[in-house]
Amino acid sequence: AYTDHLTRPPRARPDRLIADKGYPSKANRAWLRRHGIAATIPERADQITHRRRRPGRPIDFGEDQRQRYRGRNVVERCFNRLKQWRGIAMRSDKYARNYHAGLCLAATLHWLTTIL
């Protein structure tokens, strides 16, 4: 039915989740595995030391995972920059269209300051 990626309906769930060290619990990883979502989540130091005492399967965090995780940093910095605008950080707009307009304005001004 849908032969082209432009005509198929959007996926209900993502192909991959990229998260920081606050979300590497077994329950989170099991839920993602159960739903067929790949995960890029680095392990915390306490989990690594716990696995040394009680050996288990280590989390695969090779070079391709590291590259994906570095890309997450760019997105985080962009969100932090946009949240410098009070209206965006507080989400105080009554209508979604006004919030979207403010977000577009902030993103445009940020883009203009980076290229000039």
PDB file of N, CA and C in Angstrom:
ATOM      1  N   ALA A   1       0.829  -1.184   0.000  1.00  0.00           N
ATOM      2  CA  ALA A   1       0.000   0.000   0.000  1.00  0.00           C
ATOM      3  C   ALA A   1       0.877   1.253   0.000  1.00  0.00           C
ATOM      4  N   TYR A   2       1.693   1.432   1.062  1.00  0.00           N
ATOM      5  CA  TYR A   2       2.569   2.594   1.135  1.00  0.00           C
ATOM      6  C   TYR A   2       3.951   2.193   0.657  1.00  0.00           C
ATOM      7  N   THR A   3       4.346   2.678  -0.497  1.00  0.00           N
ATOM      8  CA  THR A   3       5.637   2.288  -1.049  1.00  0.00           C
ATOM      9  C   THR A   3       6.713   3.329  -0.826  1.00  0.00           C
ATOM     10  N   ASP A   4       6.326   4.521  -0.512  1.00  0.00           N
ATOM     11  CA  ASP A   4       7.278   5.606  -0.387  1.00  0.00           C
ATOM     12  C   ASP A   4       7.254   6.140   1.040  1.00  0.00           C
ATOM     13  N   HIS A   5       8.419   6.525   1.565  1.00  0.00           N
ATOM     14  CA  HIS A   5       8.471   7.048   2.925  1.00  0.00           C
ATOM     15  C   HIS A   5       7.744   8.376   3.053  1.00  0.00           C
ATOM     16  N   LEU A   6       7.476   9.051   1.940  1.00  0.00           N
ATOM     17  CA  LEU A   6       6.758  10.323   1.996  1.00  0.00           C
ATOM     18  C   LEU A   6       5.246  10.131   2.042  1.00  0.00           C
ATOM     19  N   THR A   7       4.762   8.975   1.601  1.00  0.00           N
ATOM     20  CA  THR A   7       3.317   8.758   1.567  1.00  0.00           C
ATOM     21  C   THR A   7       2.814   7.853   2.679  1.00  0.00           C
ATOM     22  N   ARG A   8       3.708   7.214   3.395  1.00  0.00           N
ATOM     23  CA  ARG A   8       3.248   6.323   4.466  1.00  0.00           C
ATOM     24  C   ARG A   8       2.850   7.150   5.697  1.00  0.00           C
ATOM     25  N   PRO A   9       1.973   6.609   6.509  1.00  0.00           N
ATOM     26  CA  PRO A   9       1.583   7.349   7.718  1.00  0.00           C
ATOM     27  C   PRO A   9       2.745   7.405   8.704  1.00  0.00           C
ATOM     28  N   PRO A  10       2.757   8.397   9.574  1.00  0.00           N
ATOM     29  CA  PRO A  10       3.862   8.490  10.540  1.00  0.00           C
ATOM     30  C   PRO A  10       3.853   7.309  11.504  1.00  0.00           C
ATOM     31  N   ARG A  11       5.047   6.937  11.943  1.00  0.00           N
ATOM     32  CA  ARG A  11       5.188   5.849  12.900  1.00  0.00           C
ATOM     33  C   ARG A  11       4.597   6.249  14.236  1.00  0.00           C
ATOM     34  N   ALA A  12       3.973   5.302  14.903  1.00  0.00           N
ATOM     35  CA  ALA A  12       3.372   5.583  16.203  1.00  0.00           C
ATOM     36  C   ALA A  12       4.427   5.671  17.294  1.00  0.00           C
ATOM     37  N   ARG A  13       5.561   5.019  17.095  1.00  0.00           N
ATOM     38  CA  ARG A  13       6.637   5.085  18.084  1.00  0.00           C
ATOM     39  C   ARG A  13       7.959   5.290  17.362  1.00  0.00           C
ATOM     40  N   PRO A  14       8.938   5.829  18.064  1.00  0.00           N
ATOM     41  CA  PRO A  14      10.216   6.137  17.410  1.00  0.00           C
ATOM     42  C   PRO A  14      11.041   4.879  17.138  1.00  0.00           C
ATOM     43  N   ASP A  15      11.996   5.006  16.220  1.00  0.00           N
ATOM     44  CA  ASP A  15      12.936   3.915  15.948  1.00  0.00           C
ATOM     45  C   ASP A  15      13.963   3.800  17.062  1.00  0.00           C
ATOM     46  N   ARG A  16      14.351   4.942  17.636  1.00  0.00           N
ATOM     47  CA  ARG A  16      15.413   4.967  18.641  1.00  0.00           C
ATOM     48  C   ARG A  16      15.125   6.048  19.672  1.00  0.00           C
ATOM     49  N   LEU A  17      15.530   5.768  20.915  1.00  0.00           N
ATOM     50  CA  LEU A  17      15.427   6.747  21.985  1.00  0.00           C
ATOM     51  C   LEU A  17      16.838   7.091  22.443  1.00  0.00           C
ATOM     52  N   ILE A  18      17.135   8.382  22.517  1.00  0.00           N
ATOM     53  CA  ILE A  18      18.423   8.836  23.017  1.00  0.00           C
ATOM     54  C   ILE A  18      18.150   9.591  24.303  1.00  0.00           C
ATOM     55  N   ALA A  19      18.722   9.110  25.411  1.00  0.00           N
ATOM     56  CA  ALA A  19      18.467   9.719  26.713  1.00  0.00           C
ATOM     57  C   ALA A  19      19.766   9.860  27.483  1.00  0.00           C
ATOM     58  N   ASP A  20      19.728  10.657  28.555  1.00  0.00           N
ATOM     59  CA  ASP A  20      20.936  10.854  29.353  1.00  0.00           C
ATOM     60  C   ASP A  20      21.030   9.796  30.449  1.00  0.00           C
ATOM     61  N   LYS A  21      22.020   9.939  31.304  1.00  0.00           N
ATOM     62  CA  LYS A  21      22.312   8.923  32.312  1.00  0.00           C
ATOM     63  C   LYS A  21      21.259   8.815  33.407  1.00  0.00           C
ATOM     64  N   GLY A  22      20.250   9.648  33.367  1.00  0.00           N
ATOM     65  CA  GLY A  22      19.199   9.589  34.375  1.00  0.00           C
ATOM     66  C   GLY A  22      18.167   8.508  34.111  1.00  0.00           C
ATOM     67  N   TYR A  23      18.186   7.874  32.947  1.00  0.00           N
ATOM     68  CA  TYR A  23      17.137   6.931  32.575  1.00  0.00           C
ATOM     69  C   TYR A  23      17.617   5.531  32.208  1.00  0.00           C
ATOM     70  N   PRO A  24      18.724   5.017  32.737  1.00  0.00           N
ATOM     71  CA  PRO A  24      19.197   3.716  32.269  1.00  0.00           C
ATOM     72  C   PRO A  24      18.687   2.516  33.072  1.00  0.00           C
ATOM     73  N   SER A  25      17.573   2.649  33.773  1.00  0.00           N
ATOM     74  CA  SER A  25      17.113   1.551  34.628  1.00  0.00           C
ATOM     75  C   SER A  25      16.746   0.318  33.800  1.00  0.00           C
ATOM     76  N   LYS A  26      16.766  -0.823  34.461  1.00  0.00           N
ATOM     77  CA  LYS A  26      16.411  -2.078  33.795  1.00  0.00           C
ATOM     78  C   LYS A  26      14.980  -2.025  33.284  1.00  0.00           C
ATOM     79  N   ALA A  27      14.096  -1.433  34.071  1.00  0.00           N
ATOM     80  CA  ALA A  27      12.688  -1.352  33.676  1.00  0.00           C
ATOM     81  C   ALA A  27      12.522  -0.533  32.399  1.00  0.00           C
ATOM     82  N   ASN A  28      13.224   0.592  32.314  1.00  0.00           N
ATOM     83  CA  ASN A  28      13.136   1.420  31.107  1.00  0.00           C
ATOM     84  C   ASN A  28      13.668   0.673  29.887  1.00  0.00           C
ATOM     85  N   ARG A  29      14.815   0.039  30.052  1.00  0.00           N
ATOM     86  CA  ARG A  29      15.392  -0.696  28.925  1.00  0.00           C
ATOM     87  C   ARG A  29      14.509  -1.876  28.513  1.00  0.00           C
ATOM     88  N   ALA A  30      13.922  -2.566  29.487  1.00  0.00           N
ATOM     89  CA  ALA A  30      13.040  -3.692  29.173  1.00  0.00           C
ATOM     90  C   ALA A  30      11.798  -3.216  28.414  1.00  0.00           C
ATOM     91  N   TRP A  31      11.227  -2.084  28.845  1.00  0.00           N
ATOM     92  CA  TRP A  31      10.045  -1.549  28.172  1.00  0.00           C
ATOM     93  C   TRP A  31      10.375  -1.194  26.727  1.00  0.00           C
ATOM     94  N   LEU A  32      11.527  -0.538  26.523  1.00  0.00           N
ATOM     95  CA  LEU A  32      11.933  -0.170  25.172  1.00  0.00           C
ATOM     96  C   LEU A  32      12.154  -1.404  24.306  1.00  0.00           C
ATOM     97  N   ARG A  33      12.804  -2.421  24.866  1.00  0.00           N
ATOM     98  CA  ARG A  33      13.034  -3.666  24.126  1.00  0.00           C
ATOM     99  C   ARG A  33      11.715  -4.328  23.750  1.00  0.00           C
ATOM    100  N   ARG A  34      10.779  -4.369  24.690  1.00  0.00           N
ATOM    101  CA  ARG A  34       9.479  -4.977  24.456  1.00  0.00           C
ATOM    102  C   ARG A  34       8.716  -4.278  23.327  1.00  0.00           C
ATOM    103  N   HIS A  35       8.908  -2.985  23.199  1.00  0.00           N
ATOM    104  CA  HIS A  35       8.199  -2.231  22.174  1.00  0.00           C
ATOM    105  C   HIS A  35       9.009  -2.029  20.899  1.00  0.00           C
ATOM    106  N   GLY A  36      10.153  -2.670  20.798  1.00  0.00           N
ATOM    107  CA  GLY A  36      10.954  -2.623  19.580  1.00  0.00           C
ATOM    108  C   GLY A  36      11.622  -1.287  19.323  1.00  0.00           C
ATOM    109  N   ILE A  37      11.986  -0.577  20.393  1.00  0.00           N
ATOM    110  CA  ILE A  37      12.634   0.723  20.266  1.00  0.00           C
ATOM    111  C   ILE A  37      14.088   0.573  20.711  1.00  0.00           C
ATOM    112  N   ALA A  38      15.007   0.903  19.826  1.00  0.00           N
ATOM    113  CA  ALA A  38      16.428   0.842  20.177  1.00  0.00           C
ATOM    114  C   ALA A  38      16.756   1.983  21.140  1.00  0.00           C
ATOM    115  N   ALA A  39      17.741   1.770  22.005  1.00  0.00           N
ATOM    116  CA  ALA A  39      18.076   2.771  23.019  1.00  0.00           C
ATOM    117  C   ALA A  39      19.540   3.174  22.947  1.00  0.00           C
ATOM    118  N   THR A  40      19.786   4.463  23.093  1.00  0.00           N
ATOM    119  CA  THR A  40      21.130   4.999  23.249  1.00  0.00           C
ATOM    120  C   THR A  40      21.134   5.726  24.582  1.00  0.00           C
ATOM    121  N   ILE A  41      21.470   4.970  25.642  1.00  0.00           N
ATOM    122  CA  ILE A  41      21.494   5.516  26.994  1.00  0.00           C
ATOM    123  C   ILE A  41      22.788   5.035  27.655  1.00  0.00           C
ATOM    124  N   PRO A  42      23.696   5.946  27.995  1.00  0.00           N
ATOM    125  CA  PRO A  42      24.928   5.511  28.661  1.00  0.00           C
ATOM    126  C   PRO A  42      24.648   5.038  30.083  1.00  0.00           C
ATOM    127  N   GLU A  43      25.497   4.157  30.575  1.00  0.00           N
ATOM    128  CA  GLU A  43      25.340   3.656  31.943  1.00  0.00           C
ATOM    129  C   GLU A  43      25.938   4.633  32.947  1.00  0.00           C
ATOM    130  N   ARG A  44      25.346   4.669  34.123  1.00  0.00           N
ATOM    131  CA  ARG A  44      25.918   5.460  35.207  1.00  0.00           C
ATOM    132  C   ARG A  44      27.086   4.691  35.810  1.00  0.00           C
ATOM    133  N   ALA A  45      27.977   5.407  36.479  1.00  0.00           N
ATOM    134  CA  ALA A  45      29.173   4.786  37.070  1.00  0.00           C
ATOM    135  C   ALA A  45      28.790   3.758  38.133  1.00  0.00           C
ATOM    136  N   ASP A  46      27.736   4.033  38.920  1.00  0.00           N
ATOM    137  CA  ASP A  46      27.361   3.083  39.960  1.00  0.00           C
ATOM    138  C   ASP A  46      26.836   1.775  39.364  1.00  0.00           C
ATOM    139  N   GLN A  47      26.217   1.831  38.192  1.00  0.00           N
ATOM    140  CA  GLN A  47      25.755   0.598  37.551  1.00  0.00           C
ATOM    141  C   GLN A  47      26.925  -0.219  37.027  1.00  0.00           C
ATOM    142  N   ILE A  48      27.938   0.468  36.534  1.00  0.00           N
ATOM    143  CA  ILE A  48      29.116  -0.236  36.025  1.00  0.00           C
ATOM    144  C   ILE A  48      29.843  -0.935  37.168  1.00  0.00           C
ATOM    145  N   THR A  49      30.011  -0.267  38.325  1.00  0.00           N
ATOM    146  CA  THR A  49      30.678  -0.897  39.467  1.00  0.00           C
ATOM    147  C   THR A  49      29.837  -2.034  40.030  1.00  0.00           C
ATOM    148  N   HIS A  50      28.523  -1.892  40.015  1.00  0.00           N
ATOM    149  CA  HIS A  50      27.651  -2.978  40.491  1.00  0.00           C
ATOM    150  C   HIS A  50      27.799  -4.202  39.599  1.00  0.00           C
ATOM    151  N   ARG A  51      27.922  -4.003  38.298  1.00  0.00           N
ATOM    152  CA  ARG A  51      28.082  -5.134  37.383  1.00  0.00           C
ATOM    153  C   ARG A  51      29.432  -5.811  37.572  1.00  0.00           C
ATOM    154  N   ARG A  52      30.434  -5.077  38.035  1.00  0.00           N
ATOM    155  CA  ARG A  52      31.739  -5.709  38.300  1.00  0.00           C
ATOM    156  C   ARG A  52      31.625  -6.692  39.451  1.00  0.00           C
ATOM    157  N   ARG A  53      30.812  -6.329  40.456  1.00  0.00           N
ATOM    158  CA  ARG A  53      30.629  -7.237  41.598  1.00  0.00           C
ATOM    159  C   ARG A  53      29.743  -8.421  41.226  1.00  0.00           C
ATOM    160  N   ARG A  54      28.716  -8.162  40.438  1.00  0.00           N
ATOM    161  CA  ARG A  54      27.793  -9.218  40.008  1.00  0.00           C
ATOM    162  C   ARG A  54      27.755  -9.184  38.487  1.00  0.00           C
ATOM    163  N   PRO A  55      28.596  -9.977  37.814  1.00  0.00           N
ATOM    164  CA  PRO A  55      28.715  -9.881  36.356  1.00  0.00           C
ATOM    165  C   PRO A  55      27.384 -10.118  35.645  1.00  0.00           C
ATOM    166  N   GLY A  56      27.202  -9.357  34.610  1.00  0.00           N
ATOM    167  CA  GLY A  56      26.020  -9.482  33.762  1.00  0.00           C
ATOM    168  C   GLY A  56      26.372  -9.017  32.369  1.00  0.00           C
ATOM    169  N   ARG A  57      25.382  -8.921  31.545  1.00  0.00           N
ATOM    170  CA  ARG A  57      25.611  -8.502  30.165  1.00  0.00           C
ATOM    171  C   ARG A  57      25.843  -6.988  30.129  1.00  0.00           C
ATOM    172  N   PRO A  58      27.005  -6.537  29.642  1.00  0.00           N
ATOM    173  CA  PRO A  58      27.254  -5.088  29.585  1.00  0.00           C
ATOM    174  C   PRO A  58      26.411  -4.434  28.491  1.00  0.00           C
ATOM    175  N   ILE A  59      26.150  -3.162  28.672  1.00  0.00           N
ATOM    176  CA  ILE A  59      25.423  -2.388  27.685  1.00  0.00           C
ATOM    177  C   ILE A  59      26.358  -2.077  26.527  1.00  0.00           C
ATOM    178  N   ASP A  60      25.902  -2.318  25.306  1.00  0.00           N
ATOM    179  CA  ASP A  60      26.712  -2.034  24.124  1.00  0.00           C
ATOM    180  C   ASP A  60      26.689  -0.528  23.870  1.00  0.00           C
ATOM    181  N   PHE A  61      27.792   0.134  24.140  1.00  0.00           N
ATOM    182  CA  PHE A  61      27.894   1.572  23.901  1.00  0.00           C
ATOM    183  C   PHE A  61      29.156   1.826  23.102  1.00  0.00           C
ATOM    184  N   GLY A  62      29.159   1.305  21.874  1.00  0.00           N
ATOM    185  CA  GLY A  62      30.315   1.422  20.991  1.00  0.00           C
ATOM    186  C   GLY A  62      30.424   2.796  20.359  1.00  0.00           C
ATOM    187  N   GLU A  63      31.259   2.882  19.336  1.00  0.00           N
ATOM    188  CA  GLU A  63      31.535   4.177  18.700  1.00  0.00           C
ATOM    189  C   GLU A  63      30.303   4.765  18.016  1.00  0.00           C
ATOM    190  N   ASP A  64      29.484   3.920  17.362  1.00  0.00           N
ATOM    191  CA  ASP A  64      28.283   4.456  16.714  1.00  0.00           C
ATOM    192  C   ASP A  64      27.297   5.012  17.739  1.00  0.00           C
ATOM    193  N   GLN A  65      27.222   4.366  18.912  1.00  0.00           N
ATOM    194  CA  GLN A  65      26.368   4.881  19.981  1.00  0.00           C
ATOM    195  C   GLN A  65      26.908   6.217  20.496  1.00  0.00           C
ATOM    196  N   ARG A  66      28.210   6.319  20.622  1.00  0.00           N
ATOM    197  CA  ARG A  66      28.824   7.569  21.097  1.00  0.00           C
ATOM    198  C   ARG A  66      28.538   8.721  20.127  1.00  0.00           C
ATOM    199  N   GLN A  67      28.586   8.448  18.825  1.00  0.00           N
ATOM    200  CA  GLN A  67      28.293   9.482  17.833  1.00  0.00           C
ATOM    201  C   GLN A  67      26.850   9.967  17.957  1.00  0.00           C
ATOM    202  N   ARG A  68      25.922   9.031  18.130  1.00  0.00           N
ATOM    203  CA  ARG A  68      24.515   9.413  18.310  1.00  0.00           C
ATOM    204  C   ARG A  68      24.342  10.265  19.558  1.00  0.00           C
ATOM    205  N   TYR A  69      25.009   9.874  20.629  1.00  0.00           N
ATOM    206  CA  TYR A  69      24.872  10.586  21.894  1.00  0.00           C
ATOM    207  C   TYR A  69      25.452  12.000  21.787  1.00  0.00           C
ATOM    208  N   ARG A  70      26.491  12.180  21.015  1.00  0.00           N
ATOM    209  CA  ARG A  70      27.066  13.522  20.814  1.00  0.00           C
ATOM    210  C   ARG A  70      26.073  14.424  20.099  1.00  0.00           C
ATOM    211  N   GLY A  71      25.303  13.865  19.181  1.00  0.00           N
ATOM    212  CA  GLY A  71      24.282  14.640  18.487  1.00  0.00           C
ATOM    213  C   GLY A  71      23.196  15.120  19.425  1.00  0.00           C
ATOM    214  N   ARG A  72      22.920  14.357  20.472  1.00  0.00           N
ATOM    215  CA  ARG A  72      21.927  14.735  21.467  1.00  0.00           C
ATOM    216  C   ARG A  72      22.328  16.027  22.165  1.00  0.00           C
ATOM    217  N   ASN A  73      23.609  16.227  22.377  1.00  0.00           N
ATOM    218  CA  ASN A  73      24.108  17.421  23.041  1.00  0.00           C
ATOM    219  C   ASN A  73      23.738  18.687  22.260  1.00  0.00           C
ATOM    220  N   VAL A  74      23.796  18.621  20.944  1.00  0.00           N
ATOM    221  CA  VAL A  74      23.442  19.768  20.112  1.00  0.00           C
ATOM    222  C   VAL A  74      21.972  20.128  20.309  1.00  0.00           C
ATOM    223  N   VAL A  75      21.128  19.125  20.341  1.00  0.00           N
ATOM    224  CA  VAL A  75      19.695  19.353  20.527  1.00  0.00           C
ATOM    225  C   VAL A  75      19.429  19.940  21.911  1.00  0.00           C
ATOM    226  N   GLU A  76      20.083  19.400  22.934  1.00  0.00           N
ATOM    227  CA  GLU A  76      19.905  19.917  24.297  1.00  0.00           C
ATOM    228  C   GLU A  76      20.312  21.382  24.397  1.00  0.00           C
ATOM    229  N   ARG A  77      21.430  21.731  23.786  1.00  0.00           N
ATOM    230  CA  ARG A  77      21.877  23.130  23.830  1.00  0.00           C
ATOM    231  C   ARG A  77      20.898  24.043  23.109  1.00  0.00           C
ATOM    232  N   CYS A  78      20.311  23.565  22.022  1.00  0.00           N
ATOM    233  CA  CYS A  78      19.317  24.363  21.295  1.00  0.00           C
ATOM    234  C   CYS A  78      18.085  24.598  22.163  1.00  0.00           C
ATOM    235  N   PHE A  79      17.587  23.559  22.832  1.00  0.00           N
ATOM    236  CA  PHE A  79      16.435  23.726  23.727  1.00  0.00           C
ATOM    237  C   PHE A  79      16.754  24.699  24.847  1.00  0.00           C
ATOM    238  N   ASN A  80      17.933  24.584  25.425  1.00  0.00           N
ATOM    239  CA  ASN A  80      18.312  25.491  26.509  1.00  0.00           C
ATOM    240  C   ASN A  80      18.384  26.929  26.021  1.00  0.00           C
ATOM    241  N   ARG A  81      18.853  27.120  24.810  1.00  0.00           N
ATOM    242  CA  ARG A  81      18.925  28.474  24.253  1.00  0.00           C
ATOM    243  C   ARG A  81      17.526  29.038  24.013  1.00  0.00           C
ATOM    244  N   LEU A  82      16.623  28.199  23.499  1.00  0.00           N
ATOM    245  CA  LEU A  82      15.257  28.658  23.252  1.00  0.00           C
ATOM    246  C   LEU A  82      14.517  28.960  24.551  1.00  0.00           C
ATOM    247  N   LYS A  83      14.843  28.227  25.603  1.00  0.00           N
ATOM    248  CA  LYS A  83      14.166  28.438  26.879  1.00  0.00           C
ATOM    249  C   LYS A  83      14.609  29.715  27.575  1.00  0.00           C
ATOM    250  N   GLN A  84      15.564  30.417  27.006  1.00  0.00           N
ATOM    251  CA  GLN A  84      15.936  31.712  27.554  1.00  0.00           C
ATOM    252  C   GLN A  84      14.805  32.725  27.369  1.00  0.00           C
ATOM    253  N   TRP A  85      13.933  32.453  26.422  1.00  0.00           N
ATOM    254  CA  TRP A  85      12.746  33.277  26.241  1.00  0.00           C
ATOM    255  C   TRP A  85      11.722  32.853  27.283  1.00  0.00           C
ATOM    256  N   ARG A  86      11.292  33.763  28.107  1.00  0.00           N
ATOM    257  CA  ARG A  86      10.395  33.461  29.229  1.00  0.00           C
ATOM    258  C   ARG A  86       9.089  32.817  28.773  1.00  0.00           C
ATOM    259  N   GLY A  87       8.508  33.327  27.706  1.00  0.00           N
ATOM    260  CA  GLY A  87       7.235  32.791  27.224  1.00  0.00           C
ATOM    261  C   GLY A  87       7.341  31.353  26.762  1.00  0.00           C
ATOM    262  N   ILE A  88       8.482  30.986  26.226  1.00  0.00           N
ATOM    263  CA  ILE A  88       8.675  29.608  25.773  1.00  0.00           C
ATOM    264  C   ILE A  88       8.934  28.700  26.969  1.00  0.00           C
ATOM    265  N   ALA A  89       9.734  29.163  27.905  1.00  0.00           N
ATOM    266  CA  ALA A  89      10.056  28.339  29.070  1.00  0.00           C
ATOM    267  C   ALA A  89       8.824  28.082  29.933  1.00  0.00           C
ATOM    268  N   MET A  90       7.954  29.096  30.084  1.00  0.00           N
ATOM    269  CA  MET A  90       6.796  28.963  30.970  1.00  0.00           C
ATOM    270  C   MET A  90       5.565  28.406  30.269  1.00  0.00           C
ATOM    271  N   ARG A  91       5.545  28.414  28.949  1.00  0.00           N
ATOM    272  CA  ARG A  91       4.385  27.963  28.175  1.00  0.00           C
ATOM    273  C   ARG A  91       3.111  28.649  28.649  1.00  0.00           C
ATOM    274  N   SER A  92       3.179  29.971  28.774  1.00  0.00           N
ATOM    275  CA  SER A  92       2.050  30.719  29.309  1.00  0.00           C
ATOM    276  C   SER A  92       1.061  31.166  28.238  1.00  0.00           C
ATOM    277  N   ASP A  93       1.322  30.873  26.976  1.00  0.00           N
ATOM    278  CA  ASP A  93       0.385  31.260  25.921  1.00  0.00           C
ATOM    279  C   ASP A  93      -0.893  30.448  26.010  1.00  0.00           C
ATOM    280  N   LYS A  94      -1.996  31.109  25.741  1.00  0.00           N
ATOM    281  CA  LYS A  94      -3.285  30.436  25.827  1.00  0.00           C
ATOM    282  C   LYS A  94      -3.510  29.519  24.630  1.00  0.00           C
ATOM    283  N   TYR A  95      -3.045  29.949  23.464  1.00  0.00           N
ATOM    284  CA  TYR A  95      -3.281  29.186  22.246  1.00  0.00           C
ATOM    285  C   TYR A  95      -1.982  28.587  21.714  1.00  0.00           C
ATOM    286  N   ALA A  96      -2.106  27.402  21.132  1.00  0.00           N
ATOM    287  CA  ALA A  96      -0.937  26.710  20.581  1.00  0.00           C
ATOM    288  C   ALA A  96      -0.311  27.504  19.442  1.00  0.00           C
ATOM    289  N   ARG A  97      -1.131  28.177  18.655  1.00  0.00           N
ATOM    290  CA  ARG A  97      -0.586  28.934  17.516  1.00  0.00           C
ATOM    291  C   ARG A  97       0.310  30.078  18.001  1.00  0.00           C
ATOM    292  N   ASN A  98      -0.049  30.713  19.136  1.00  0.00           N
ATOM    293  CA  ASN A  98       0.780  31.794  19.682  1.00  0.00           C
ATOM    294  C   ASN A  98       2.101  31.243  20.201  1.00  0.00           C
ATOM    295  N   TYR A  99       2.039  30.102  20.876  1.00  0.00           N
ATOM    296  CA  TYR A  99       3.264  29.471  21.373  1.00  0.00           C
ATOM    297  C   TYR A  99       4.163  29.093  20.196  1.00  0.00           C
ATOM    298  N   HIS A 100       3.571  28.521  19.163  1.00  0.00           N
ATOM    299  CA  HIS A 100       4.331  28.123  17.985  1.00  0.00           C
ATOM    300  C   HIS A 100       4.968  29.336  17.311  1.00  0.00           C
ATOM    301  N   ALA A 101       4.228  30.437  17.241  1.00  0.00           N
ATOM    302  CA  ALA A 101       4.773  31.659  16.642  1.00  0.00           C
ATOM    303  C   ALA A 101       5.964  32.180  17.451  1.00  0.00           C
ATOM    304  N   GLY A 102       5.848  32.176  18.775  1.00  0.00           N
ATOM    305  CA  GLY A 102       6.966  32.600  19.623  1.00  0.00           C
ATOM    306  C   GLY A 102       8.173  31.695  19.463  1.00  0.00           C
ATOM    307  N   LEU A 103       7.919  30.397  19.357  1.00  0.00           N
ATOM    308  CA  LEU A 103       9.004  29.438  19.157  1.00  0.00           C
ATOM    309  C   LEU A 103       9.703  29.686  17.815  1.00  0.00           C
ATOM    310  N   CYS A 104       8.926  29.933  16.778  1.00  0.00           N
ATOM    311  CA  CYS A 104       9.512  30.224  15.466  1.00  0.00           C
ATOM    312  C   CYS A 104      10.321  31.514  15.498  1.00  0.00           C
ATOM    313  N   LEU A 105       9.805  32.519  16.181  1.00  0.00           N
ATOM    314  CA  LEU A 105      10.519  33.789  16.287  1.00  0.00           C
ATOM    315  C   LEU A 105      11.840  33.611  17.031  1.00  0.00           C
ATOM    316  N   ALA A 106      11.807  32.910  18.151  1.00  0.00           N
ATOM    317  CA  ALA A 106      13.026  32.681  18.931  1.00  0.00           C
ATOM    318  C   ALA A 106      14.039  31.869  18.130  1.00  0.00           C
ATOM    319  N   ALA A 107      13.573  30.843  17.433  1.00  0.00           N
ATOM    320  CA  ALA A 107      14.479  30.016  16.632  1.00  0.00           C
ATOM    321  C   ALA A 107      15.092  30.826  15.490  1.00  0.00           C
ATOM    322  N   THR A 108      14.289  31.683  14.867  1.00  0.00           N
ATOM    323  CA  THR A 108      14.797  32.511  13.774  1.00  0.00           C
ATOM    324  C   THR A 108      15.847  33.499  14.272  1.00  0.00           C
ATOM    325  N   LEU A 109      15.572  34.144  15.400  1.00  0.00           N
ATOM    326  CA  LEU A 109      16.540  35.084  15.941  1.00  0.00           C
ATOM    327  C   LEU A 109      17.827  34.385  16.384  1.00  0.00           C
ATOM    328  N   HIS A 110      17.682  33.195  16.948  1.00  0.00           N
ATOM    329  CA  HIS A 110      18.872  32.418  17.319  1.00  0.00           C
ATOM    330  C   HIS A 110      19.687  32.063  16.082  1.00  0.00           C
ATOM    331  N   TRP A 111      18.995  31.647  15.026  1.00  0.00           N
ATOM    332  CA  TRP A 111      19.667  31.298  13.778  1.00  0.00           C
ATOM    333  C   TRP A 111      20.381  32.511  13.197  1.00  0.00           C
ATOM    334  N   LEU A 112      19.717  33.670  13.212  1.00  0.00           N
ATOM    335  CA  LEU A 112      20.344  34.880  12.671  1.00  0.00           C
ATOM    336  C   LEU A 112      21.601  35.276  13.453  1.00  0.00           C
ATOM    337  N   THR A 113      21.582  35.092  14.770  1.00  0.00           N
ATOM    338  CA  THR A 113      22.767  35.458  15.564  1.00  0.00           C
ATOM    339  C   THR A 113      23.919  34.477  15.330  1.00  0.00           C
ATOM    340  N   THR A 114      23.612  33.258  14.951  1.00  0.00           N
ATOM    341  CA  THR A 114      24.690  32.280  14.733  1.00  0.00           C
ATOM    342  C   THR A 114      25.339  32.448  13.365  1.00  0.00           C
ATOM    343  N   ILE A 115      24.600  32.988  12.377  1.00  0.00           N
ATOM    344  CA  ILE A 115      25.199  33.109  11.033  1.00  0.00           C
ATOM    345  C   ILE A 115      25.833  34.467  10.811  1.00  0.00           C
ATOM    346  N   LEU A 116      25.535  35.431  11.666  1.00  0.00           N
ATOM    347  CA  LEU A 116      26.092  36.773  11.455  1.00  0.00           C
ATOM    348  C   LEU A 116      27.386  36.970  12.195  1.00  0.00           C
TER     349      LEU A 116
END
